Amino acid sequence: MQSQHRKKRVLIADTTQETRRNTRVMLSTIKGVEVVAIALDGTQAIEMARQHKPDIVLLDINMSKVNGLSAYKQILQENPHTACILVSAENHPETFEAAKALGIQNFLIKPFTEHELDTAMQAVIQLLDGSPNNNATTDKAEKAETQLKQLAEEYIRTQRTDEEAVKVLEAAVNLPNSELRWMQTLAMIYVVRQRWGKLKTLAEKLEHRTK
């Protein structure tokens, strides 16, 4: 039980210097974690994980040499209890399906906020500190996913467009097999708020879904 009270050791791995720096700064404000290593690519992430034995790895999917999923596979071979938050600049259902197959339930889409990072970290910490029973972990993840879907439906029904609704819909569209109406609603909010960068990424996902 003592391990539950110590800070969780975190490894950051991303090829972009700005992302590495911003992530480290945001993590310094988040309770219960400490950064023990920062890697520049997938190969270095594997080596540093072997050396520092982090509890959580924050991996960019598109790293050079070895991508995030491949790096996590190798990290798990040496330490099967290491948790992972996968980071991506794009929403690809195939990527999320492959990640879920590895047991990854937490995803962040760039650029992510401190609140989004904190939420993902606390969810992982709860899983690490919770029951080691895999069924319990799966049930917890499925329950959270169901609640998120219900919340997205409620916000669409009540036509909410505030920041909380945006965060919920952004999380919902990142779910595998997300509903088309969630993406369409979020796209309309982006247009109204003139968030063109996010709209472009979402439009590409919409185009992929409607082909």
Protein backbone atom coordinates (compact mmCIF):
# COMPACT_ATOMS: atom_id res chain seq x y z
CA MET A 1 0.00 0.00 0.00
CA GLN A 2 2.94 2.30 0.53
CA SER A 3 3.44 2.67 -3.25
CA GLN A 4 0.06 4.41 -3.46
CA HIS A 5 1.37 7.32 -1.40
CA ARG A 6 4.53 8.06 -3.36
CA LYS A 7 4.59 10.17 -6.49
CA LYS A 8 4.23 8.29 -9.75
CA ARG A 9 7.36 8.38 -11.87
CA VAL A 10 6.72 9.71 -15.39
CA LEU A 11 8.71 9.43 -18.61
CA ILE A 12 7.96 11.93 -21.42
CA ALA A 13 8.83 10.93 -24.99
CA ASP A 14 8.22 13.28 -27.90
CA THR A 15 10.26 14.37 -30.92
CA THR A 16 9.10 17.99 -30.64
CA GLN A 17 11.09 20.13 -28.22
CA GLU A 18 8.22 22.51 -27.52
CA THR A 19 5.88 19.64 -26.62
CA ARG A 20 8.49 18.09 -24.32
CA ARG A 21 9.06 21.42 -22.57
CA ASN A 22 5.36 22.32 -22.24
CA THR A 23 4.46 18.86 -21.00
CA ARG A 24 7.15 18.95 -18.34
CA VAL A 25 5.99 22.39 -17.16
CA MET A 26 2.36 21.24 -16.96
CA LEU A 27 3.31 18.06 -15.10
CA SER A 28 5.18 20.13 -12.51
CA THR A 29 1.81 21.57 -11.43
CA ILE A 30 0.00 18.22 -11.29
CA LYS A 31 -0.34 16.46 -7.95
CA GLY A 32 1.03 12.97 -7.50
CA VAL A 33 3.58 12.78 -10.33
CA GLU A 34 7.23 13.55 -10.96
CA VAL A 35 9.14 13.56 -14.26
CA VAL A 36 12.12 11.20 -14.08
CA ALA A 37 13.17 11.14 -17.75
CA ILE A 38 12.59 12.88 -21.08
CA ALA A 39 13.25 11.05 -24.36
CA LEU A 40 13.68 12.52 -27.85
CA ASP A 41 12.53 9.46 -29.80
CA GLY A 42 11.17 5.94 -29.44
CA THR A 43 14.52 4.20 -29.09
CA GLN A 44 15.60 6.56 -26.32
CA ALA A 45 12.22 6.09 -24.60
CA ILE A 46 12.81 2.33 -24.42
CA GLU A 47 16.32 2.79 -23.05
CA MET A 48 15.23 5.38 -20.47
CA ALA A 49 12.29 3.25 -19.37
CA ARG A 50 14.71 0.37 -18.79
CA GLN A 51 16.96 2.67 -16.75
CA HIS A 52 14.42 4.71 -14.75
CA LYS A 53 11.51 2.24 -14.50
CA PRO A 54 8.71 4.84 -14.71
CA ASP A 55 5.18 4.09 -13.54
CA ILE A 56 3.70 6.06 -16.45
CA VAL A 57 5.04 6.74 -19.93
CA LEU A 58 3.68 9.64 -21.98
CA LEU A 59 4.42 8.60 -25.58
CA ASP A 60 3.96 10.45 -28.85
CA ILE A 61 2.58 8.06 -31.48
CA ASN A 62 4.64 9.56 -34.33
CA MET A 63 8.15 9.41 -32.85
CA SER A 64 11.12 8.78 -35.10
CA LYS A 65 13.04 5.46 -35.13
CA VAL A 66 10.38 3.65 -33.11
CA ASN A 67 6.78 4.90 -32.89
CA GLY A 68 4.87 5.19 -29.63
CA LEU A 69 2.95 1.92 -29.89
CA SER A 70 6.05 -0.12 -30.77
CA ALA A 71 8.00 1.55 -27.97
CA TYR A 72 5.28 0.74 -25.45
CA LYS A 73 5.21 -2.90 -26.56
CA GLN A 74 8.92 -3.20 -25.79
CA ILE A 75 8.59 -1.32 -22.49
CA LEU A 76 5.83 -3.72 -21.42
CA GLN A 77 8.07 -6.71 -22.10
CA GLU A 78 10.40 -5.59 -19.32
CA ASN A 79 7.82 -3.98 -17.03
CA PRO A 80 4.26 -5.17 -17.68
CA HIS A 81 2.87 -2.83 -15.00
CA THR A 82 3.91 0.38 -16.78
CA ALA A 83 0.91 2.54 -17.71
CA CYS A 84 0.77 4.65 -20.85
CA ILE A 85 -0.87 7.83 -22.10
CA LEU A 86 -0.66 7.99 -25.88
CA VAL A 87 -0.26 11.41 -27.52
CA SER A 88 -1.22 12.13 -31.12
CA ALA A 89 -1.69 15.17 -33.35
CA GLU A 90 -4.46 13.39 -35.25
CA ASN A 91 -7.59 11.37 -34.54
CA HIS A 92 -7.25 7.99 -36.20
CA PRO A 93 -9.68 5.25 -35.03
CA GLU A 94 -7.23 2.58 -36.18
CA THR A 95 -4.55 3.97 -33.86
CA PHE A 96 -6.89 4.02 -30.88
CA GLU A 97 -8.02 0.46 -31.57
CA ALA A 98 -4.40 -0.72 -31.69
CA ALA A 99 -3.68 1.19 -28.48
CA LYS A 100 -6.66 -0.32 -26.68
CA ALA A 101 -5.44 -3.77 -27.70
CA LEU A 102 -2.27 -3.00 -25.71
CA GLY A 103 -4.34 -1.91 -22.72
CA ILE A 104 -3.97 1.84 -23.32
CA GLN A 105 -7.14 3.65 -22.29
CA ASN A 106 -5.86 7.21 -22.10
CA PHE A 107 -5.23 9.46 -25.09
CA LEU A 108 -4.31 13.10 -25.57
CA ILE A 109 -4.69 15.04 -28.80
CA LYS A 110 -2.20 17.83 -29.46
CA PRO A 111 -2.36 20.58 -28.47
CA PHE A 112 -3.71 19.49 -25.09
CA THR A 113 -4.40 21.67 -22.07
CA GLU A 114 -3.14 21.32 -18.51
CA HIS A 115 -6.66 20.29 -17.48
CA GLU A 116 -6.73 17.51 -20.09
CA LEU A 117 -3.30 16.28 -19.03
CA ASP A 118 -4.28 16.36 -15.36
CA THR A 119 -7.49 14.42 -16.06
CA ALA A 120 -5.60 11.74 -17.99
CA MET A 121 -2.90 11.48 -15.33
CA GLN A 122 -5.34 11.17 -12.44
CA ALA A 123 -7.24 8.44 -14.30
CA VAL A 124 -4.02 6.48 -14.79
CA ILE A 125 -2.98 7.00 -11.16
CA GLN A 126 -6.33 5.64 -9.99
CA LEU A 127 -5.88 2.55 -12.15
CA LEU A 128 -2.34 2.00 -10.86
CA ASP A 129 -3.47 2.40 -7.24
CA GLY A 130 -6.64 0.36 -7.69
CA SER A 131 -7.32 -3.33 -7.80
CA PRO A 132 -4.84 -5.41 -9.82
CA ASN A 133 -7.79 -7.41 -11.12
CA ASN A 134 -7.94 -6.91 -14.88
CA ASN A 135 -11.70 -7.34 -14.99
CA ALA A 136 -12.16 -4.54 -12.46
CA THR A 137 -9.92 -2.30 -14.54
CA THR A 138 -11.86 -3.09 -17.69
CA ASP A 139 -15.20 -2.50 -15.97
CA LYS A 140 -13.97 0.87 -14.71
CA ALA A 141 -12.88 1.93 -18.19
CA GLU A 142 -16.14 0.77 -19.77
CA LYS A 143 -18.17 2.62 -17.15
CA ALA A 144 -16.23 5.84 -17.77
CA GLU A 145 -16.75 5.45 -21.52
CA THR A 146 -20.49 4.93 -21.07
CA GLN A 147 -20.76 8.00 -18.84
CA LEU A 148 -18.88 10.07 -21.40
CA LYS A 149 -21.23 8.97 -24.19
CA GLN A 150 -24.28 9.79 -22.09
CA LEU A 151 -22.89 13.22 -21.27
CA ALA A 152 -22.17 13.95 -24.94
CA GLU A 153 -25.74 13.00 -25.86
CA GLU A 154 -27.14 15.19 -23.08
CA TYR A 155 -25.09 18.23 -24.14
CA ILE A 156 -26.17 17.83 -27.76
CA ARG A 157 -29.82 17.48 -26.71
CA THR A 158 -29.66 20.64 -24.58
CA GLN A 159 -27.58 22.46 -27.25
CA ARG A 160 -24.77 23.34 -24.87
CA THR A 161 -21.77 25.03 -26.49
CA ASP A 162 -19.75 26.15 -23.44
CA GLU A 163 -16.18 25.06 -22.72
CA GLU A 164 -17.30 22.09 -20.62
CA ALA A 165 -19.41 20.84 -23.53
CA VAL A 166 -16.46 21.30 -25.90
CA LYS A 167 -14.20 19.23 -23.62
CA VAL A 168 -16.78 16.45 -23.35
CA LEU A 169 -17.37 16.33 -27.10
CA GLU A 170 -13.63 16.40 -27.82
CA ALA A 171 -13.17 13.42 -25.53
CA ALA A 172 -16.18 11.66 -27.06
CA VAL A 173 -15.00 12.01 -30.66
CA ASN A 174 -11.70 10.40 -29.64
CA LEU A 175 -13.51 7.23 -28.64
CA PRO A 176 -13.32 4.37 -31.11
CA ASN A 177 -16.53 4.20 -33.16
CA SER A 178 -17.58 7.67 -32.04
CA GLU A 179 -20.94 8.92 -33.27
CA LEU A 180 -20.97 11.05 -36.42
CA ARG A 181 -23.33 13.58 -34.82
CA TRP A 182 -20.81 14.24 -32.05
CA MET A 183 -18.20 15.22 -34.63
CA GLN A 184 -20.67 17.32 -36.59
CA THR A 185 -21.80 19.19 -33.49
CA LEU A 186 -18.22 19.81 -32.41
CA ALA A 187 -17.36 21.05 -35.92
CA MET A 188 -20.17 23.62 -35.75
CA ILE A 189 -18.90 24.85 -32.37
CA TYR A 190 -15.38 25.20 -33.80
CA VAL A 191 -16.76 27.29 -36.68
CA VAL A 192 -18.62 29.61 -34.30
CA ARG A 193 -15.51 29.96 -32.10
CA GLN A 194 -13.20 30.26 -35.12
CA ARG A 195 -10.94 27.43 -33.98
CA TRP A 196 -9.74 26.71 -37.47
CA GLY A 197 -6.81 24.45 -36.56
CA LYS A 198 -8.98 22.08 -34.56
CA LEU A 199 -11.69 22.30 -37.22
CA LYS A 200 -9.21 21.19 -39.90
CA THR A 201 -8.20 18.12 -37.89
CA LEU A 202 -11.81 17.27 -37.17
CA ALA A 203 -12.78 17.77 -40.82
CA GLU A 204 -10.16 15.22 -41.87
CA LYS A 205 -11.62 12.74 -39.39
CA LEU A 206 -15.12 13.46 -40.69
CA GLU A 207 -14.00 12.95 -44.25
CA HIS A 208 -12.44 9.62 -43.30
CA ARG A 209 -15.69 8.50 -41.62
CA THR A 210 -17.97 9.49 -44.50
CA LYS A 211 -15.93 7.80 -47.29
